[in-house]
């Protein structure tokens, strides 16, 4: 009734089909969160599960990194950026100055 009685655009968020347009937050549409979901929201994908999987991968990657640093496997020679002897001598001289 309100929508039909005014030239203003009426946006609906759980108000039913009588509004001029409907919207949902992307977090609700994509299922970003766990736990409470608003009654008016419909979730089309489960991104929360994907984020949980990615978090497990992040933790595993950092554990591997820590292990390789502690054992000396990282950094390996291919991860180092070399310096020429002349450049190193200029650097050493500038520190002594």
PDB file of N, CA and C in Angstrom:
ATOM      1  N   UNK A   1       0.826  -1.190   0.000  1.00  0.00           N
ATOM      2  CA  UNK A   1       0.000   0.000   0.000  1.00  0.00           C
ATOM      3  C   UNK A   1       0.873   1.257   0.000  1.00  0.00           C
ATOM      4  N   UNK A   2       1.917   1.259   0.809  1.00  0.00           N
ATOM      5  CA  UNK A   2       2.798   2.434   0.858  1.00  0.00           C
ATOM      6  C   UNK A   2       3.453   2.645  -0.498  1.00  0.00           C
ATOM      7  N   UNK A   3       3.954   1.587  -1.102  1.00  0.00           N
ATOM      8  CA  UNK A   3       4.637   1.677  -2.381  1.00  0.00           C
ATOM      9  C   UNK A   3       3.721   2.255  -3.452  1.00  0.00           C
ATOM     10  N   UNK A   4       2.481   1.870  -3.434  1.00  0.00           N
ATOM     11  CA  UNK A   4       1.530   2.355  -4.440  1.00  0.00           C
ATOM     12  C   UNK A   4       1.042   3.765  -4.159  1.00  0.00           C
ATOM     13  N   UNK A   5       1.293   4.271  -2.951  1.00  0.00           N
ATOM     14  CA  UNK A   5       0.780   5.577  -2.551  1.00  0.00           C
ATOM     15  C   UNK A   5       1.814   6.696  -2.631  1.00  0.00           C
ATOM     16  N   UNK A   6       3.025   6.395  -3.048  1.00  0.00           N
ATOM     17  CA  UNK A   6       4.062   7.421  -3.087  1.00  0.00           C
ATOM     18  C   UNK A   6       4.936   7.230  -4.323  1.00  0.00           C
ATOM     19  N   UNK A   7       5.493   8.330  -4.845  1.00  0.00           N
ATOM     20  CA  UNK A   7       6.410   8.202  -5.981  1.00  0.00           C
ATOM     21  C   UNK A   7       7.820   7.762  -5.541  1.00  0.00           C
ATOM     22  N   UNK A   8       8.046   7.699  -4.226  1.00  0.00           N
ATOM     23  CA  UNK A   8       9.349   7.266  -3.729  1.00  0.00           C
ATOM     24  C   UNK A   8       9.546   5.778  -3.998  1.00  0.00           C
ATOM     25  N   UNK A   9      10.778   5.400  -4.181  1.00  0.00           N
ATOM     26  CA  UNK A   9      11.089   3.982  -4.374  1.00  0.00           C
ATOM     27  C   UNK A   9      11.152   3.337  -3.004  1.00  0.00           C
ATOM     28  N   UNK A  10      10.387   2.290  -2.826  1.00  0.00           N
ATOM     29  CA  UNK A  10      10.352   1.581  -1.559  1.00  0.00           C
ATOM     30  C   UNK A  10      11.198   0.314  -1.696  1.00  0.00           C
ATOM     31  N   UNK A  11      12.243   0.227  -0.881  1.00  0.00           N
ATOM     32  CA  UNK A  11      13.107  -0.946  -0.876  1.00  0.00           C
ATOM     33  C   UNK A  11      12.649  -1.894   0.215  1.00  0.00           C
ATOM     34  N   UNK A  12      12.622  -3.167  -0.120  1.00  0.00           N
ATOM     35  CA  UNK A  12      12.194  -4.162   0.840  1.00  0.00           C
ATOM     36  C   UNK A  12      13.342  -5.027   1.311  1.00  0.00           C
ATOM     37  N   UNK A  13      13.334  -5.276   2.606  1.00  0.00           N
ATOM     38  CA  UNK A  13      14.295  -6.191   3.208  1.00  0.00           C
ATOM     39  C   UNK A  13      13.492  -7.044   4.169  1.00  0.00           C
ATOM     40  N   UNK A  14      12.920  -8.102   3.625  1.00  0.00           N
ATOM     41  CA  UNK A  14      12.073  -8.958   4.441  1.00  0.00           C
ATOM     42  C   UNK A  14      10.659  -8.432   4.575  1.00  0.00           C
ATOM     43  N   UNK A  15      10.282  -7.456   3.747  1.00  0.00           N
ATOM     44  CA  UNK A  15       8.958  -6.856   3.851  1.00  0.00           C
ATOM     45  C   UNK A  15       7.964  -7.470   2.878  1.00  0.00           C
ATOM     46  N   UNK A  16       8.391  -8.438   2.098  1.00  0.00           N
ATOM     47  CA  UNK A  16       7.495  -9.072   1.140  1.00  0.00           C
ATOM     48  C   UNK A  16       7.633  -8.472  -0.245  1.00  0.00           C
ATOM     49  N   UNK A  17       6.817  -8.987  -1.157  1.00  0.00           N
ATOM     50  CA  UNK A  17       6.916  -8.606  -2.566  1.00  0.00           C
ATOM     51  C   UNK A  17       6.268  -7.270  -2.894  1.00  0.00           C
ATOM     52  N   UNK A  18       5.665  -6.607  -1.921  1.00  0.00           N
ATOM     53  CA  UNK A  18       4.978  -5.345  -2.191  1.00  0.00           C
ATOM     54  C   UNK A  18       5.900  -4.160  -2.394  1.00  0.00           C
ATOM     55  N   UNK A  19       7.170  -4.281  -2.097  1.00  0.00           N
ATOM     56  CA  UNK A  19       8.119  -3.181  -2.277  1.00  0.00           C
ATOM     57  C   UNK A  19       8.496  -3.073  -3.751  1.00  0.00           C
ATOM     58  N   UNK A  20       9.094  -1.932  -4.113  1.00  0.00           N
ATOM     59  CA  UNK A  20       9.528  -1.732  -5.499  1.00  0.00           C
ATOM     60  C   UNK A  20      10.778  -2.537  -5.830  1.00  0.00           C
ATOM     61  N   UNK A  21      11.603  -2.823  -4.848  1.00  0.00           N
ATOM     62  CA  UNK A  21      12.828  -3.595  -5.060  1.00  0.00           C
ATOM     63  C   UNK A  21      13.165  -4.341  -3.774  1.00  0.00           C
ATOM     64  N   UNK A  22      13.865  -5.453  -3.923  1.00  0.00           N
ATOM     65  CA  UNK A  22      14.295  -6.258  -2.784  1.00  0.00           C
ATOM     66  C   UNK A  22      15.815  -6.246  -2.729  1.00  0.00           C
ATOM     67  N   UNK A  23      16.356  -6.286  -1.539  1.00  0.00           N
ATOM     68  CA  UNK A  23      17.809  -6.402  -1.425  1.00  0.00           C
ATOM     69  C   UNK A  23      18.173  -7.263  -0.233  1.00  0.00           C
ATOM     70  N   UNK A  24      19.343  -7.869  -0.344  1.00  0.00           N
ATOM     71  CA  UNK A  24      19.952  -8.622   0.747  1.00  0.00           C
ATOM     72  C   UNK A  24      21.425  -8.240   0.785  1.00  0.00           C
ATOM     73  N   UNK A  25      22.024  -8.374   1.937  1.00  0.00           N
ATOM     74  CA  UNK A  25      23.459  -8.156   2.045  1.00  0.00           C
ATOM     75  C   UNK A  25      24.195  -9.322   1.403  1.00  0.00           C
ATOM     76  N   UNK A  26      25.292  -9.029   0.750  1.00  0.00           N
ATOM     77  CA  UNK A  26      26.079 -10.069   0.092  1.00  0.00           C
ATOM     78  C   UNK A  26      26.485 -11.150   1.085  1.00  0.00           C
ATOM     79  N   UNK A  27      26.772 -10.771   2.318  1.00  0.00           N
ATOM     80  CA  UNK A  27      27.164 -11.748   3.327  1.00  0.00           C
ATOM     81  C   UNK A  27      26.066 -12.782   3.552  1.00  0.00           C
ATOM     82  N   UNK A  28      24.815 -12.349   3.470  1.00  0.00           N
ATOM     83  CA  UNK A  28      23.698 -13.274   3.644  1.00  0.00           C
ATOM     84  C   UNK A  28      23.493 -14.138   2.401  1.00  0.00           C
ATOM     85  N   UNK A  29      23.564 -13.527   1.225  1.00  0.00           N
ATOM     86  CA  UNK A  29      23.374 -14.264  -0.028  1.00  0.00           C
ATOM     87  C   UNK A  29      24.445 -15.337  -0.184  1.00  0.00           C
ATOM     88  N   UNK A  30      25.681 -14.996   0.183  1.00  0.00           N
ATOM     89  CA  UNK A  30      26.809 -15.902  -0.018  1.00  0.00           C
ATOM     90  C   UNK A  30      27.092 -16.800   1.180  1.00  0.00           C
ATOM     91  N   UNK A  31      26.376 -16.621   2.276  1.00  0.00           N
ATOM     92  CA  UNK A  31      26.575 -17.481   3.435  1.00  0.00           C
ATOM     93  C   UNK A  31      27.926 -17.294   4.079  1.00  0.00           C
ATOM     94  N   UNK A  32      28.343 -16.042   4.256  1.00  0.00           N
ATOM     95  CA  UNK A  32      29.648 -15.752   4.862  1.00  0.00           C
ATOM     96  C   UNK A  32      29.727 -16.156   6.322  1.00  0.00           C
ATOM     97  N   UNK A  33      28.613 -16.095   7.016  1.00  0.00           N
ATOM     98  CA  UNK A  33      28.661 -16.256   8.463  1.00  0.00           C
ATOM     99  C   UNK A  33      28.038 -17.587   8.897  1.00  0.00           C
ATOM    100  N   UNK A  34      28.363 -17.964  10.108  1.00  0.00           N
ATOM    101  CA  UNK A  34      27.737 -19.131  10.717  1.00  0.00           C
ATOM    102  C   UNK A  34      26.870 -18.634  11.869  1.00  0.00           C
ATOM    103  N   UNK A  35      25.983 -19.456  12.310  1.00  0.00           N
ATOM    104  CA  UNK A  35      25.125 -19.050  13.426  1.00  0.00           C
ATOM    105  C   UNK A  35      23.886 -18.330  12.929  1.00  0.00           C
ATOM    106  N   UNK A  36      23.604 -17.191  13.540  1.00  0.00           N
ATOM    107  CA  UNK A  36      22.367 -16.459  13.241  1.00  0.00           C
ATOM    108  C   UNK A  36      22.304 -16.017  11.784  1.00  0.00           C
ATOM    109  N   UNK A  37      21.154 -16.237  11.197  1.00  0.00           N
ATOM    110  CA  UNK A  37      20.868 -15.738   9.854  1.00  0.00           C
ATOM    111  C   UNK A  37      19.542 -15.003   9.942  1.00  0.00           C
ATOM    112  N   UNK A  38      19.446 -13.788   9.405  1.00  0.00           N
ATOM    113  CA  UNK A  38      18.181 -13.051   9.467  1.00  0.00           C
ATOM    114  C   UNK A  38      17.039 -13.851   8.832  1.00  0.00           C
ATOM    115  N   UNK A  39      15.851 -13.704   9.373  1.00  0.00           N
ATOM    116  CA  UNK A  39      14.695 -14.453   8.862  1.00  0.00           C
ATOM    117  C   UNK A  39      14.416 -14.154   7.399  1.00  0.00           C
ATOM    118  N   UNK A  40      14.677 -12.919   6.982  1.00  0.00           N
ATOM    119  CA  UNK A  40      14.354 -12.530   5.606  1.00  0.00           C
ATOM    120  C   UNK A  40      15.425 -12.957   4.597  1.00  0.00           C
ATOM    121  N   UNK A  41      16.537 -13.476   5.076  1.00  0.00           N
ATOM    122  CA  UNK A  41      17.659 -13.776   4.192  1.00  0.00           C
ATOM    123  C   UNK A  41      17.552 -15.178   3.602  1.00  0.00           C
ATOM    124  N   UNK A  42      18.000 -15.277   2.371  1.00  0.00           N
ATOM    125  CA  UNK A  42      18.124 -16.584   1.727  1.00  0.00           C
ATOM    126  C   UNK A  42      19.586 -16.730   1.316  1.00  0.00           C
ATOM    127  N   UNK A  43      20.180 -17.837   1.710  1.00  0.00           N
ATOM    128  CA  UNK A  43      21.589 -18.083   1.407  1.00  0.00           C
ATOM    129  C   UNK A  43      21.673 -18.999   0.198  1.00  0.00           C
ATOM    130  N   UNK A  44      22.479 -18.568  -0.794  1.00  0.00           N
ATOM    131  CA  UNK A  44      22.602 -19.318  -2.037  1.00  0.00           C
ATOM    132  C   UNK A  44      23.889 -20.136  -2.124  1.00  0.00           C
ATOM    133  N   UNK A  45      24.880 -19.797  -1.323  1.00  0.00           N
ATOM    134  CA  UNK A  45      26.139 -20.545  -1.282  1.00  0.00           C
ATOM    135  C   UNK A  45      26.628 -20.588   0.160  1.00  0.00           C
ATOM    136  N   UNK A  46      27.569 -21.494   0.446  1.00  0.00           N
ATOM    137  CA  UNK A  46      28.112 -21.635   1.790  1.00  0.00           C
ATOM    138  C   UNK A  46      29.570 -21.182   1.809  1.00  0.00           C
ATOM    139  N   UNK A  47      29.786 -19.880   1.781  1.00  0.00           N
ATOM    140  CA  UNK A  47      31.145 -19.344   1.814  1.00  0.00           C
ATOM    141  C   UNK A  47      31.796 -19.544   3.176  1.00  0.00           C
ATOM    142  N   UNK A  48      31.007 -19.665   4.225  1.00  0.00           N
ATOM    143  CA  UNK A  48      31.585 -19.876   5.558  1.00  0.00           C
ATOM    144  C   UNK A  48      32.402 -21.154   5.575  1.00  0.00           C
ATOM    145  N   UNK A  49      31.896 -22.202   4.948  1.00  0.00           N
ATOM    146  CA  UNK A  49      32.640 -23.463   4.884  1.00  0.00           C
ATOM    147  C   UNK A  49      33.918 -23.296   4.071  1.00  0.00           C
ATOM    148  N   UNK A  50      33.831 -22.542   2.992  1.00  0.00           N
ATOM    149  CA  UNK A  50      35.027 -22.307   2.164  1.00  0.00           C
ATOM    150  C   UNK A  50      36.059 -21.486   2.934  1.00  0.00           C
ATOM    151  N   UNK A  51      35.608 -20.475   3.673  1.00  0.00           N
ATOM    152  CA  UNK A  51      36.536 -19.686   4.494  1.00  0.00           C
ATOM    153  C   UNK A  51      37.188 -20.556   5.569  1.00  0.00           C
ATOM    154  N   UNK A  52      36.431 -21.467   6.148  1.00  0.00           N
ATOM    155  CA  UNK A  52      36.997 -22.368   7.156  1.00  0.00           C
ATOM    156  C   UNK A  52      38.057 -23.269   6.524  1.00  0.00           C
ATOM    157  N   UNK A  53      37.787 -23.762   5.319  1.00  0.00           N
ATOM    158  CA  UNK A  53      38.768 -24.589   4.613  1.00  0.00           C
ATOM    159  C   UNK A  53      40.022 -23.772   4.297  1.00  0.00           C
ATOM    160  N   UNK A  54      39.838 -22.551   3.825  1.00  0.00           N
ATOM    161  CA  UNK A  54      40.984 -21.690   3.516  1.00  0.00           C
ATOM    162  C   UNK A  54      41.793 -21.363   4.769  1.00  0.00           C
ATOM    163  N   UNK A  55      41.126 -21.181   5.894  1.00  0.00           N
ATOM    164  CA  UNK A  55      41.844 -20.911   7.137  1.00  0.00           C
ATOM    165  C   UNK A  55      42.714 -22.098   7.514  1.00  0.00           C
ATOM    166  N   UNK A  56      42.209 -23.309   7.333  1.00  0.00           N
ATOM    167  CA  UNK A  56      43.007 -24.505   7.609  1.00  0.00           C
ATOM    168  C   UNK A  56      44.236 -24.538   6.698  1.00  0.00           C
ATOM    169  N   UNK A  57      44.062 -24.148   5.447  1.00  0.00           N
ATOM    170  CA  UNK A  57      45.191 -24.099   4.511  1.00  0.00           C
ATOM    171  C   UNK A  57      46.201 -23.029   4.921  1.00  0.00           C
ATOM    172  N   UNK A  58      45.715 -21.867   5.378  1.00  0.00           N
ATOM    173  CA  UNK A  58      46.618 -20.804   5.849  1.00  0.00           C
ATOM    174  C   UNK A  58      47.466 -21.305   7.013  1.00  0.00           C
ATOM    175  N   UNK A  59      46.815 -21.925   7.986  1.00  0.00           N
ATOM    176  CA  UNK A  59      47.520 -22.433   9.163  1.00  0.00           C
ATOM    177  C   UNK A  59      48.548 -23.478   8.750  1.00  0.00           C
ATOM    178  N   UNK A  60      48.169 -24.396   7.863  1.00  0.00           N
ATOM    179  CA  UNK A  60      49.092 -25.435   7.401  1.00  0.00           C
ATOM    180  C   UNK A  60      50.292 -24.817   6.685  1.00  0.00           C
ATOM    181  N   UNK A  61      50.056 -23.816   5.854  1.00  0.00           N
ATOM    182  CA  UNK A  61      51.149 -23.166   5.121  1.00  0.00           C
ATOM    183  C   UNK A  61      52.116 -22.486   6.082  1.00  0.00           C
ATOM    184  N   UNK A  62      51.603 -21.769   7.080  1.00  0.00           N
ATOM    185  CA  UNK A  62      52.493 -21.110   8.032  1.00  0.00           C
ATOM    186  C   UNK A  62      53.249 -22.118   8.892  1.00  0.00           C
ATOM    187  N   UNK A  63      52.623 -23.238   9.213  1.00  0.00           N
ATOM    188  CA  UNK A  63      53.334 -24.282   9.961  1.00  0.00           C
ATOM    189  C   UNK A  63      54.491 -24.837   9.130  1.00  0.00           C
ATOM    190  N   UNK A  64      54.268 -25.044   7.837  1.00  0.00           N
ATOM    191  CA  UNK A  64      55.337 -25.514   6.948  1.00  0.00           C
ATOM    192  C   UNK A  64      56.461 -24.487   6.876  1.00  0.00           C
ATOM    193  N   UNK A  65      56.092 -23.217   6.751  1.00  0.00           N
ATOM    194  CA  UNK A  65      57.078 -22.138   6.699  1.00  0.00           C
ATOM    195  C   UNK A  65      57.921 -22.138   7.976  1.00  0.00           C
ATOM    196  N   UNK A  66      57.281 -22.180   9.134  1.00  0.00           N
ATOM    197  CA  UNK A  66      57.992 -22.170  10.416  1.00  0.00           C
ATOM    198  C   UNK A  66      58.934 -23.367  10.501  1.00  0.00           C
ATOM    199  N   UNK A  67      58.461 -24.530  10.114  1.00  0.00           N
ATOM    200  CA  UNK A  67      59.277 -25.737  10.162  1.00  0.00           C
ATOM    201  C   UNK A  67      60.514 -25.599   9.277  1.00  0.00           C
ATOM    202  N   UNK A  68      60.333 -25.078   8.064  1.00  0.00           N
ATOM    203  CA  UNK A  68      61.469 -24.936   7.152  1.00  0.00           C
ATOM    204  C   UNK A  68      62.459 -23.878   7.628  1.00  0.00           C
ATOM    205  N   UNK A  69      61.967 -22.823   8.255  1.00  0.00           N
ATOM    206  CA  UNK A  69      62.883 -21.814   8.810  1.00  0.00           C
ATOM    207  C   UNK A  69      63.672 -22.428   9.964  1.00  0.00           C
ATOM    208  N   UNK A  70      62.985 -23.160  10.837  1.00  0.00           N
ATOM    209  CA  UNK A  70      63.654 -23.767  11.990  1.00  0.00           C
ATOM    210  C   UNK A  70      64.686 -24.826  11.579  1.00  0.00           C
ATOM    211  N   UNK A  71      64.415 -25.573  10.520  1.00  0.00           N
ATOM    212  CA  UNK A  71      65.362 -26.615  10.084  1.00  0.00           C
ATOM    213  C   UNK A  71      66.430 -26.076   9.141  1.00  0.00           C
ATOM    214  N   UNK A  72      66.267 -24.848   8.686  1.00  0.00           N
ATOM    215  CA  UNK A  72      67.229 -24.262   7.756  1.00  0.00           C
ATOM    216  C   UNK A  72      66.946 -24.575   6.299  1.00  0.00           C
ATOM    217  N   UNK A  73      65.846 -25.252   6.027  1.00  0.00           N
ATOM    218  CA  UNK A  73      65.495 -25.558   4.632  1.00  0.00           C
ATOM    219  C   UNK A  73      65.087 -24.305   3.863  1.00  0.00           C
ATOM    220  N   UNK A  74      64.613 -23.294   4.584  1.00  0.00           N
ATOM    221  CA  UNK A  74      64.256 -22.013   3.970  1.00  0.00           C
ATOM    222  C   UNK A  74      64.902 -20.915   4.789  1.00  0.00           C
ATOM    223  N   UNK A  75      65.501 -19.949   4.155  1.00  0.00           N
ATOM    224  CA  UNK A  75      65.632 -19.785   2.717  1.00  0.00           C
ATOM    225  C   UNK A  75      66.787 -20.602   2.152  1.00  0.00           C
ATOM    226  N   UNK A  76      66.582 -21.120   0.964  1.00  0.00           N
ATOM    227  CA  UNK A  76      67.614 -21.869   0.248  1.00  0.00           C
ATOM    228  C   UNK A  76      68.354 -20.889  -0.674  1.00  0.00           C
ATOM    229  N   UNK A  77      69.478 -21.294  -1.224  1.00  0.00           N
ATOM    230  CA  UNK A  77      70.240 -20.383  -2.100  1.00  0.00           C
ATOM    231  C   UNK A  77      69.402 -19.763  -3.221  1.00  0.00           C
ATOM    232  N   UNK A  78      68.460 -20.508  -3.785  1.00  0.00           N
ATOM    233  CA  UNK A  78      67.656 -19.937  -4.875  1.00  0.00           C
ATOM    234  C   UNK A  78      66.695 -18.842  -4.415  1.00  0.00           C
ATOM    235  N   UNK A  79      66.546 -18.678  -3.101  1.00  0.00           N
ATOM    236  CA  UNK A  79      65.667 -17.629  -2.575  1.00  0.00           C
ATOM    237  C   UNK A  79      66.435 -16.371  -2.196  1.00  0.00           C
ATOM    238  N   UNK A  80      67.746 -16.409  -2.318  1.00  0.00           N
ATOM    239  CA  UNK A  80      68.580 -15.260  -1.954  1.00  0.00           C
ATOM    240  C   UNK A  80      68.862 -14.416  -3.196  1.00  0.00           C
ATOM    241  N   UNK A  81      68.949 -13.122  -2.988  1.00  0.00           N
ATOM    242  CA  UNK A  81      69.306 -12.199  -4.063  1.00  0.00           C
ATOM    243  C   UNK A  81      70.783 -11.865  -3.886  1.00  0.00           C
ATOM    244  N   UNK A  82      71.613 -12.247  -4.857  1.00  0.00           N
ATOM    245  CA  UNK A  82      73.059 -12.060  -4.693  1.00  0.00           C
ATOM    246  C   UNK A  82      73.472 -10.589  -4.793  1.00  0.00           C
ATOM    247  N   UNK A  83      74.622 -10.305  -4.238  1.00  0.00           N
ATOM    248  CA  UNK A  83      75.210  -8.970  -4.309  1.00  0.00           C
ATOM    249  C   UNK A  83      76.606  -9.124  -4.918  1.00  0.00           C
ATOM    250  N   UNK A  84      76.970  -8.217  -5.774  1.00  0.00           N
ATOM    251  CA  UNK A  84      78.308  -8.298  -6.375  1.00  0.00           C
ATOM    252  C   UNK A  84      79.348  -7.938  -5.325  1.00  0.00           C
ATOM    253  N   UNK A  85      80.572  -8.415  -5.546  1.00  0.00           N
ATOM    254  CA  UNK A  85      81.653  -8.099  -4.605  1.00  0.00           C
ATOM    255  C   UNK A  85      81.869  -6.596  -4.504  1.00  0.00           C
ATOM    256  N   UNK A  86      81.836  -5.902  -5.639  1.00  0.00           N
ATOM    257  CA  UNK A  86      82.054  -4.445  -5.641  1.00  0.00           C
ATOM    258  C   UNK A  86      80.957  -3.735  -4.851  1.00  0.00           C
ATOM    259  N   UNK A  87      79.729  -4.158  -5.035  1.00  0.00           N
ATOM    260  CA  UNK A  87      78.621  -3.542  -4.301  1.00  0.00           C
ATOM    261  C   UNK A  87      78.761  -3.807  -2.806  1.00  0.00           C
ATOM    262  N   UNK A  88      79.158  -5.013  -2.437  1.00  0.00           N
ATOM    263  CA  UNK A  88      79.344  -5.342  -1.035  1.00  0.00           C
ATOM    264  C   UNK A  88      80.466  -4.503  -0.427  1.00  0.00           C
ATOM    265  N   UNK A  89      81.555  -4.316  -1.175  1.00  0.00           N
ATOM    266  CA  UNK A  89      82.675  -3.497  -0.661  1.00  0.00           C
ATOM    267  C   UNK A  89      82.229  -2.055  -0.447  1.00  0.00           C
ATOM    268  N   UNK A  90      81.432  -1.490  -1.352  1.00  0.00           N
ATOM    269  CA  UNK A  90      80.916  -0.123  -1.168  1.00  0.00           C
ATOM    270  C   UNK A  90      80.022  -0.066   0.074  1.00  0.00           C
ATOM    271  N   UNK A  91      79.190  -1.084   0.263  1.00  0.00           N
ATOM    272  CA  UNK A  91      78.319  -1.140   1.436  1.00  0.00           C
ATOM    273  C   UNK A  91      79.143  -1.203   2.712  1.00  0.00           C
ATOM    274  N   UNK A  92      80.137  -2.097   2.747  1.00  0.00           N
ATOM    275  CA  UNK A  92      80.982  -2.255   3.939  1.00  0.00           C
ATOM    276  C   UNK A  92      81.727  -0.958   4.237  1.00  0.00           C
ATOM    277  N   UNK A  93      82.230  -0.298   3.206  1.00  0.00           N
ATOM    278  CA  UNK A  93      82.957   0.970   3.396  1.00  0.00           C
ATOM    279  C   UNK A  93      82.025   2.046   3.951  1.00  0.00           C
ATOM    280  N   UNK A  94      80.765   2.067   3.500  1.00  0.00           N
ATOM    281  CA  UNK A  94      79.837   3.096   3.982  1.00  0.00           C
ATOM    282  C   UNK A  94      79.475   2.885   5.450  1.00  0.00           C
ATOM    283  N   UNK A  95      79.491   1.650   5.905  1.00  0.00           N
ATOM    284  CA  UNK A  95      79.210   1.375   7.327  1.00  0.00           C
ATOM    285  C   UNK A  95      80.376   1.814   8.195  1.00  0.00           C
ATOM    286  N   UNK A  96      81.602   1.614   7.701  1.00  0.00           N
ATOM    287  CA  UNK A  96      82.776   1.996   8.458  1.00  0.00           C
ATOM    288  C   UNK A  96      82.956   3.500   8.524  1.00  0.00           C
ATOM    289  N   UNK A  97      82.355   4.212   7.574  1.00  0.00           N
ATOM    290  CA  UNK A  97      82.548   5.667   7.504  1.00  0.00           C
ATOM    291  C   UNK A  97      81.771   6.420   8.551  1.00  0.00           C
TER     292      UNK A  97
END
